[in-house]
Amino acid sequence: MAVICTAGHVDHGKSTLVQALTGTHPDRLKEEREREMTIDLGFAWFELPGVGPVGIVDVPGHRDFIENMLAGVGGVDAALFVIAADEGLMPQTREHLAILDLLGVAAGVVALAKCDMVQDADWLALVTAEIHEALLPTTLAGAAVLPVSALTGAGMPQLLTALQAVLAQTPARVDNARARLPVDRVFTLPGFGTVVTGTLLGGSLELGAEVSILPAGLRARVRGLQTHRAALPLVRPGNRVAVNLSGVATTQVRRGDVVAQPDTLLPTRLLDVQYRHLPEGHGTRPLRHNTQVKLFVGAAEVLARARCLGGRQIAPGASGWLQLVLQQPVAAAAGDRFILRLPSPSTTIGGGVVVDAQPRRLHRSSDAAVVERLAALATSEPAELLLAAVRAL
């Protein structure tokens, strides 16, 4: 199975395209249907020949709901980047593209949607060229740009073929026997109780297994597993999954928590990270030492202080090292991708990779040895990072 996310500006046709692909409209909230605008994450799936089941996480495009979008794009195999042919690149098009790039999403297809509304071939060629130029410095450079219409069906077979080709090349998910599920939705079902959903990472989850709910440290048991409406005894990493939990109430679990195998992951209030600051074209200013930021990692969102290491600031377009001091604990692991935003004005400013998820202390900004250690960790092999994580437990 594969998991893809949508991305793109508000009202560019993401949800309509998902419905055309899957037969399911992903907007599930009454307010979304009334406003005809996606507000929170939506979910659907379809069978893609040669690939199998493909889960889709549909994300909101409005700037007011970017933070909801960030809860759904972690752990995906590819992006379905939707741009309306009649409008072209818009502000949230560029912000979503920057987020996908910072998260390292390197596979995707661009759907030039609503092509039935554009009769001018020169305009389509101009928009297509502009898109390719915008993709060029990102992880999605070279992605196919395909004109499609969810209304008439034009271009849909070509879109499916392109998705098939992209997903066939994505590497298999690693199973290191350290299953964790960043929770992006929590709800209750009569007769079943607490249900959480997310994209499973790191290992397989088995019916009857005991799990930890982090960062609170609660214990629960897997009462049921379901993927695409099918009950299963075991789910492997890379799948969208709904987990029915016994032993915890719905009020005890929230979006951003992590369901993990016991004793494999620890909550933390400190993260040492490798960070890339977005360039000035995104409205960013230098990131100064001890700036308050919002951290998005997995499906979690938490306020933090960004402490610059090896200097007192990071310039727009530059990279560096940070120690993030969190107001609330999160469950994260070395290698996890993250995004930073300013709380006010609410703006995406950069992102990067967690290098050390369990720093033992606060670092001095001028400590060169810390920077050297982080640089060495950042170039370590995954097995070495896993060994370091085990030693920290």
Protein backbone atom coordinates (compact mmCIF):
# COMPACT_ATOMS: atom_id res chain seq x y z
CA MET A 1 0.00 0.00 0.00
CA ALA A 2 1.04 3.60 -0.59
CA VAL A 3 -0.04 6.89 0.98
CA ILE A 4 -0.15 10.21 -0.85
CA CYS A 5 -1.20 13.68 0.22
CA THR A 6 -2.75 16.50 -1.74
CA ALA A 7 -1.22 19.98 -1.70
CA GLY A 8 -2.11 23.31 -3.23
CA HIS A 9 -3.91 26.63 -2.88
CA VAL A 10 -7.47 26.96 -1.61
CA ASP A 11 -10.23 26.30 -4.15
CA HIS A 12 -7.87 24.81 -6.72
CA GLY A 13 -9.86 21.58 -6.85
CA LYS A 14 -7.99 19.20 -4.52
CA SER A 15 -11.04 17.60 -2.90
CA THR A 16 -12.95 17.42 -6.19
CA LEU A 17 -10.00 15.63 -7.77
CA VAL A 18 -9.82 13.20 -4.84
CA GLN A 19 -13.51 12.43 -5.33
CA ALA A 20 -12.92 11.82 -9.04
CA LEU A 21 -10.08 9.39 -8.21
CA THR A 22 -11.74 7.53 -5.34
CA GLY A 23 -15.49 8.05 -5.54
CA THR A 24 -15.36 9.50 -2.00
CA HIS A 25 -15.54 13.20 -1.18
CA PRO A 26 -12.99 13.74 1.60
CA ASP A 27 -14.73 16.68 3.28
CA ARG A 28 -16.34 15.09 6.34
CA LEU A 29 -17.32 18.13 8.47
CA LYS A 30 -20.68 19.89 8.17
CA GLU A 31 -18.94 23.29 8.09
CA GLU A 32 -16.73 22.14 5.22
CA ARG A 33 -19.74 21.14 3.15
CA GLU A 34 -21.55 24.39 3.95
CA ARG A 35 -18.55 26.58 3.10
CA GLU A 36 -17.42 24.34 0.21
CA MET A 37 -13.89 24.55 1.59
CA THR A 38 -11.65 21.98 3.25
CA ILE A 39 -10.88 22.95 6.85
CA ASP A 40 -9.37 19.80 8.35
CA LEU A 41 -7.78 16.63 7.05
CA GLY A 42 -9.90 14.37 4.85
CA PHE A 43 -9.25 10.76 3.93
CA ALA A 44 -10.05 8.49 0.99
CA TRP A 45 -8.52 5.57 -0.89
CA PHE A 46 -8.62 3.76 -4.22
CA GLU A 47 -7.11 0.76 -5.96
CA LEU A 48 -4.33 1.65 -8.40
CA PRO A 49 -3.37 -1.13 -10.84
CA GLY A 50 0.19 -2.26 -10.33
CA VAL A 51 0.40 -0.56 -6.94
CA GLY A 52 -2.57 -1.77 -4.90
CA PRO A 53 -4.51 0.30 -2.35
CA VAL A 54 -3.51 3.97 -2.25
CA GLY A 55 -4.55 6.07 0.71
CA ILE A 56 -5.06 9.80 0.17
CA VAL A 57 -4.76 12.46 2.86
CA ASP A 58 -6.59 15.53 1.57
CA VAL A 59 -5.31 18.73 3.18
CA PRO A 60 -6.80 22.23 3.44
CA GLY A 61 -5.36 24.91 1.17
CA HIS A 62 -6.54 28.07 2.93
CA ARG A 63 -3.80 29.97 4.74
CA ASP A 64 -5.84 29.91 7.98
CA PHE A 65 -5.66 26.11 8.03
CA ILE A 66 -2.02 25.50 7.06
CA GLU A 67 -1.41 24.08 10.52
CA ASN A 68 -4.08 21.43 9.95
CA MET A 69 -2.36 20.64 6.66
CA LEU A 70 0.93 20.03 8.48
CA ALA A 71 -0.66 17.32 10.64
CA GLY A 72 -1.35 15.22 7.55
CA VAL A 73 1.68 15.43 5.27
CA GLY A 74 4.21 13.57 7.39
CA GLY A 75 5.07 10.01 6.40
CA VAL A 76 3.57 10.10 2.91
CA ASP A 77 5.12 8.37 -0.11
CA ALA A 78 4.27 11.08 -2.63
CA ALA A 79 2.33 14.28 -3.21
CA LEU A 80 -0.51 15.03 -5.58
CA PHE A 81 0.17 18.72 -6.07
CA VAL A 82 -2.94 20.46 -7.44
CA ILE A 83 -2.77 23.79 -9.27
CA ALA A 84 -5.79 25.34 -10.97
CA ALA A 85 -5.09 25.96 -14.66
CA ASP A 86 -7.08 29.21 -14.68
CA GLU A 87 -5.10 30.76 -11.79
CA GLY A 88 -1.64 29.20 -11.80
CA LEU A 89 0.74 29.62 -8.87
CA MET A 90 -0.81 31.33 -5.83
CA PRO A 91 0.51 32.12 -2.33
CA GLN A 92 -0.42 28.82 -0.69
CA THR A 93 0.79 26.95 -3.77
CA ARG A 94 4.24 28.28 -3.02
CA GLU A 95 3.95 27.72 0.75
CA HIS A 96 2.78 24.12 0.30
CA LEU A 97 5.63 23.52 -2.15
CA ALA A 98 8.13 24.89 0.37
CA ILE A 99 6.68 22.62 3.08
CA LEU A 100 6.90 19.52 0.87
CA ASP A 101 10.50 20.42 0.03
CA LEU A 102 11.45 20.93 3.69
CA LEU A 103 9.81 17.60 4.58
CA GLY A 104 11.82 15.85 1.87
CA VAL A 105 8.83 14.65 -0.16
CA ALA A 106 10.72 13.71 -3.32
CA ALA A 107 8.01 11.96 -5.32
CA GLY A 108 4.92 13.52 -6.79
CA VAL A 109 2.75 14.51 -9.70
CA VAL A 110 1.36 17.97 -10.47
CA ALA A 111 -2.27 18.01 -11.57
CA LEU A 112 -3.04 21.14 -13.59
CA ALA A 113 -6.68 21.03 -12.55
CA LYS A 114 -9.77 22.71 -14.01
CA CYS A 115 -8.24 22.61 -17.50
CA ASP A 116 -11.78 22.58 -18.90
CA MET A 117 -12.02 26.24 -17.82
CA VAL A 118 -9.06 27.29 -20.00
CA GLN A 119 -9.34 27.31 -23.79
CA ASP A 120 -6.14 29.27 -24.47
CA ALA A 121 -3.29 26.84 -25.23
CA ASP A 122 -0.72 29.61 -24.83
CA TRP A 123 -1.96 30.31 -21.30
CA LEU A 124 -1.69 26.61 -20.38
CA ALA A 125 1.85 26.50 -21.78
CA LEU A 126 2.79 29.62 -19.79
CA VAL A 127 1.38 28.23 -16.53
CA THR A 128 3.09 24.88 -17.11
CA ALA A 129 6.45 26.58 -17.70
CA GLU A 130 5.97 28.67 -14.53
CA ILE A 131 5.26 25.52 -12.52
CA HIS A 132 8.36 23.73 -13.81
CA GLU A 133 10.44 26.77 -12.86
CA ALA A 134 8.97 26.81 -9.33
CA LEU A 135 9.65 23.07 -8.90
CA LEU A 136 13.25 23.30 -10.12
CA PRO A 137 14.98 24.14 -6.77
CA THR A 138 12.82 21.68 -4.77
CA THR A 139 12.63 17.94 -4.16
CA LEU A 140 9.82 17.79 -6.75
CA ALA A 141 12.01 19.03 -9.60
CA GLY A 142 11.15 17.17 -12.79
CA ALA A 143 7.71 16.04 -11.59
CA ALA A 144 5.17 15.52 -14.37
CA VAL A 145 2.71 18.41 -14.89
CA LEU A 146 -0.52 17.05 -16.35
CA PRO A 147 -3.64 19.01 -17.40
CA VAL A 148 -6.72 17.33 -15.94
CA SER A 149 -10.41 17.98 -15.39
CA ALA A 150 -12.30 16.22 -12.62
CA LEU A 151 -15.51 17.49 -14.24
CA THR A 152 -15.03 16.09 -17.77
CA GLY A 153 -12.51 13.34 -16.99
CA ALA A 154 -9.95 14.80 -19.38
CA GLY A 155 -6.41 13.78 -18.46
CA MET A 156 -7.49 11.42 -15.66
CA PRO A 157 -6.08 8.25 -17.30
CA GLN A 158 -2.74 10.02 -17.77
CA LEU A 159 -2.80 11.15 -14.12
CA LEU A 160 -3.36 7.58 -12.94
CA THR A 161 -0.50 6.34 -15.14
CA ALA A 162 1.82 9.02 -13.73
CA LEU A 163 0.88 8.17 -10.14
CA GLN A 164 1.44 4.50 -10.91
CA ALA A 165 4.93 5.23 -12.26
CA VAL A 166 5.87 7.45 -9.29
CA LEU A 167 4.60 5.05 -6.61
CA ALA A 168 6.22 2.03 -8.29
CA GLN A 169 9.60 3.70 -7.70
CA THR A 170 9.12 4.61 -4.04
CA PRO A 171 11.25 2.47 -1.72
CA ALA A 172 9.63 -0.06 0.60
CA ARG A 173 9.04 1.14 4.15
CA VAL A 174 11.63 0.04 6.68
CA ASP A 175 10.42 -2.32 9.41
CA ASN A 176 12.79 -1.96 12.37
CA ALA A 177 10.34 -3.44 14.88
CA ARG A 178 9.72 -0.03 16.46
CA ALA A 179 6.15 0.68 15.39
CA ARG A 180 4.80 4.17 16.01
CA LEU A 181 1.66 5.85 14.82
CA PRO A 182 1.50 9.67 14.87
CA VAL A 183 -2.18 10.27 15.61
CA ASP A 184 -3.92 12.65 13.20
CA ARG A 185 -7.52 11.85 14.18
CA VAL A 186 -9.30 10.65 17.32
CA PHE A 187 -12.95 9.61 17.54
CA THR A 188 -15.28 7.14 19.20
CA LEU A 189 -17.60 4.51 17.76
CA PRO A 190 -20.58 3.08 19.67
CA GLY A 191 -19.70 -0.37 20.93
CA PHE A 192 -16.01 0.04 20.14
CA GLY A 193 -14.75 3.04 22.08
CA THR A 194 -11.60 4.96 21.25
CA VAL A 195 -10.32 4.90 17.66
CA VAL A 196 -7.20 6.69 16.41
CA THR A 197 -5.90 7.00 12.86
CA GLY A 198 -2.59 7.80 11.22
CA THR A 199 0.14 6.53 8.93
CA LEU A 200 2.07 3.69 10.58
CA LEU A 201 5.85 4.11 10.73
CA GLY A 202 8.83 2.07 11.87
CA GLY A 203 7.29 -1.35 12.37
CA SER A 204 4.22 -3.56 12.30
CA LEU A 205 1.26 -3.30 14.66
CA GLU A 206 -0.52 -6.48 15.74
CA LEU A 207 -3.97 -7.21 17.12
CA GLY A 208 -3.84 -7.61 20.90
CA ALA A 209 -0.49 -5.83 21.27
CA GLU A 210 0.15 -3.56 24.24
CA VAL A 211 1.04 0.01 23.25
CA SER A 212 2.09 3.26 24.88
CA ILE A 213 0.31 6.56 24.26
CA LEU A 214 2.98 9.26 24.24
CA PRO A 215 3.87 11.74 25.55
CA ALA A 216 1.49 10.98 28.45
CA GLY A 217 2.86 7.46 28.90
CA LEU A 218 -0.55 5.78 29.13
CA ARG A 219 -0.82 2.08 28.34
CA ALA A 220 -3.50 0.61 26.09
CA ARG A 221 -4.15 -2.51 24.06
CA VAL A 222 -4.90 -2.88 20.34
CA ARG A 223 -8.48 -4.10 20.21
CA GLY A 224 -8.89 -3.81 16.45
CA LEU A 225 -7.00 -2.83 13.30
CA GLN A 226 -8.61 -1.62 10.11
CA THR A 227 -7.19 -0.47 6.81
CA HIS A 228 -9.57 0.72 4.09
CA ARG A 229 -12.57 -0.74 5.92
CA ALA A 230 -10.97 -4.19 6.14
CA ALA A 231 -10.26 -5.68 9.57
CA LEU A 232 -6.73 -7.11 9.77
CA PRO A 233 -4.72 -9.05 12.38
CA LEU A 234 -1.53 -7.13 11.52
CA VAL A 235 -0.66 -3.89 9.73
CA ARG A 236 2.76 -3.18 8.26
CA PRO A 237 4.55 0.20 8.14
CA GLY A 238 3.50 2.62 5.43
CA ASN A 239 -0.22 1.91 5.76
CA ARG A 240 -3.01 4.23 6.75
CA VAL A 241 -4.62 2.52 9.71
CA ALA A 242 -7.46 2.95 12.21
CA VAL A 243 -6.61 1.47 15.61
CA ASN A 244 -9.32 0.62 18.12
CA LEU A 245 -7.76 1.03 21.57
CA SER A 246 -8.96 -0.45 24.85
CA GLY A 247 -7.88 0.96 28.19
CA VAL A 248 -7.96 4.65 27.25
CA ALA A 249 -10.81 7.12 26.85
CA THR A 250 -11.19 9.34 23.81
CA THR A 251 -10.50 12.35 26.03
CA GLN A 252 -7.09 10.92 26.96
CA VAL A 253 -5.76 10.88 23.39
CA ARG A 254 -5.41 13.79 20.98
CA ARG A 255 -3.98 14.68 17.61
CA GLY A 256 -0.21 14.80 17.84
CA ASP A 257 0.10 11.93 20.30
CA VAL A 258 2.02 8.85 19.22
CA VAL A 259 0.89 5.25 19.67
CA ALA A 260 4.11 3.26 20.03
CA GLN A 261 5.45 -0.10 21.07
CA PRO A 262 6.30 0.12 24.78
CA ASP A 263 9.82 1.20 25.72
CA THR A 264 10.86 2.09 22.16
CA LEU A 265 10.27 5.86 22.22
CA LEU A 266 10.62 8.56 24.86
CA PRO A 267 8.93 11.95 25.11
CA THR A 268 11.24 14.94 25.10
CA ARG A 269 11.29 18.69 25.71
CA LEU A 270 14.61 19.18 23.90
CA LEU A 271 15.46 18.50 20.26
CA ASP A 272 18.78 19.08 18.50
CA VAL A 273 18.08 19.66 14.81
CA GLN A 274 19.62 20.46 11.48
CA TYR A 275 17.67 23.41 10.13
CA ARG A 276 17.15 25.21 6.79
CA HIS A 277 15.75 28.75 6.86
CA LEU A 278 13.54 29.68 3.90
CA PRO A 279 14.89 32.43 1.61
CA GLU A 280 13.69 36.04 1.60
CA GLY A 281 11.21 35.36 -1.20
CA HIS A 282 9.05 33.64 1.43
CA GLY A 283 8.99 36.76 3.60
CA THR A 284 11.45 35.39 6.13
CA ARG A 285 13.81 37.44 8.27
CA PRO A 286 16.91 36.21 10.05
CA LEU A 287 16.05 33.64 12.71
CA ARG A 288 17.52 35.08 15.89
CA HIS A 289 18.64 33.17 18.95
CA ASN A 290 15.81 32.27 21.34
CA THR A 291 13.00 33.19 18.92
CA GLN A 292 9.62 31.74 19.83
CA VAL A 293 8.38 29.36 17.12
CA LYS A 294 5.76 26.71 16.52
CA LEU A 295 7.18 23.25 15.94
CA PHE A 296 5.34 20.73 13.76
CA VAL A 297 6.71 17.19 13.93
CA GLY A 298 4.72 14.07 13.09
CA ALA A 299 1.15 15.22 13.73
CA ALA A 300 2.16 17.27 16.79
CA GLU A 301 2.19 21.04 17.20
CA VAL A 302 3.94 22.73 20.12
CA LEU A 303 5.41 26.12 21.00
CA ALA A 304 9.18 26.20 21.37
CA ARG A 305 12.21 28.45 21.66
CA ALA A 306 14.74 28.13 18.85
CA ARG A 307 18.27 28.41 20.27
CA CYS A 308 20.88 28.93 17.55
CA LEU A 309 24.03 26.82 17.88
CA GLY A 310 27.34 28.02 16.49
CA GLY A 311 26.06 31.59 16.04
CA ARG A 312 23.39 34.02 17.14
CA GLN A 313 21.19 33.88 14.05
CA ILE A 314 20.50 32.05 10.79
CA ALA A 315 20.05 34.20 7.68
CA PRO A 316 17.27 33.68 5.10
CA GLY A 317 18.28 30.90 2.71
CA ALA A 318 20.96 29.59 5.07
CA SER A 319 21.23 26.37 7.06
CA GLY A 320 22.43 25.77 10.59
CA TRP A 321 21.91 24.00 13.88
CA LEU A 322 19.24 24.63 16.49
CA GLN A 323 18.29 23.32 19.88
CA LEU A 324 14.52 23.51 20.26
CA VAL A 325 13.27 23.98 23.82
CA LEU A 326 9.63 22.83 23.87
CA GLN A 327 6.86 24.11 26.11
CA GLN A 328 5.25 20.67 26.07
CA PRO A 329 6.85 17.25 25.48
CA VAL A 330 6.54 15.46 22.15
CA ALA A 331 7.43 11.95 21.02
CA ALA A 332 9.95 12.23 18.19
CA ALA A 333 12.91 10.25 16.87
CA ALA A 334 16.19 11.03 15.17
CA GLY A 335 15.60 11.38 11.43
CA ASP A 336 12.10 12.84 11.79
CA ARG A 337 11.36 15.81 9.55
CA PHE A 338 9.86 18.96 11.04
CA ILE A 339 8.53 22.41 10.13
CA LEU A 340 8.90 25.70 12.02
CA ARG A 341 6.39 28.55 11.82
CA LEU A 342 6.19 31.90 13.54
CA PRO A 343 3.19 32.17 15.89
CA SER A 344 2.48 35.74 14.77
CA PRO A 345 2.26 36.59 11.99
CA SER A 346 1.57 32.94 11.25
CA THR A 347 4.21 32.10 8.63
CA THR A 348 6.24 29.07 7.62
CA ILE A 349 9.91 29.97 8.07
CA GLY A 350 11.82 26.72 7.64
CA GLY A 351 12.32 23.13 8.65
CA GLY A 352 14.74 20.28 8.76
CA VAL A 353 15.68 16.99 10.43
CA VAL A 354 15.86 15.89 14.06
CA VAL A 355 19.46 14.84 14.74
CA ASP A 356 19.25 14.10 18.48
CA ALA A 357 15.82 13.51 20.03
CA GLN A 358 17.21 13.09 23.56
CA PRO A 359 19.79 15.80 24.30
CA ARG A 360 20.97 15.46 27.88
CA ARG A 361 21.21 19.20 28.57
CA LEU A 362 20.84 22.71 27.24
CA HIS A 363 23.74 23.69 24.99
CA ARG A 364 25.67 26.93 25.00
CA SER A 365 25.21 28.76 21.73
CA SER A 366 28.97 29.19 21.30
CA ASP A 367 29.94 25.56 22.05
CA ALA A 368 31.80 24.42 18.91
CA ALA A 369 32.03 20.85 20.18
CA VAL A 370 28.24 20.55 20.13
CA VAL A 371 28.10 21.62 16.48
CA GLU A 372 30.83 19.13 15.59
CA ARG A 373 28.94 16.33 17.35
CA LEU A 374 25.68 17.18 15.60
CA ALA A 375 27.41 17.34 12.22
CA ALA A 376 28.83 13.85 12.86
CA LEU A 377 25.42 12.53 13.93
CA ALA A 378 23.76 14.05 10.84
CA THR A 379 26.00 12.02 8.55
CA SER A 380 25.63 8.76 10.52
CA GLU A 381 24.07 5.69 8.99
CA PRO A 382 20.50 4.84 10.09
CA ALA A 383 21.76 1.84 12.07
CA GLU A 384 24.11 4.07 14.06
CA LEU A 385 21.30 6.52 14.79
CA LEU A 386 19.10 3.65 15.96
CA LEU A 387 21.88 2.42 18.27
CA ALA A 388 22.25 5.91 19.72
CA ALA A 389 18.49 6.08 20.30
CA VAL A 390 18.50 2.72 22.09
CA ARG A 391 21.34 3.86 24.36
CA ALA A 392 19.30 6.94 25.31
CA LEU A 393 16.37 4.83 26.57
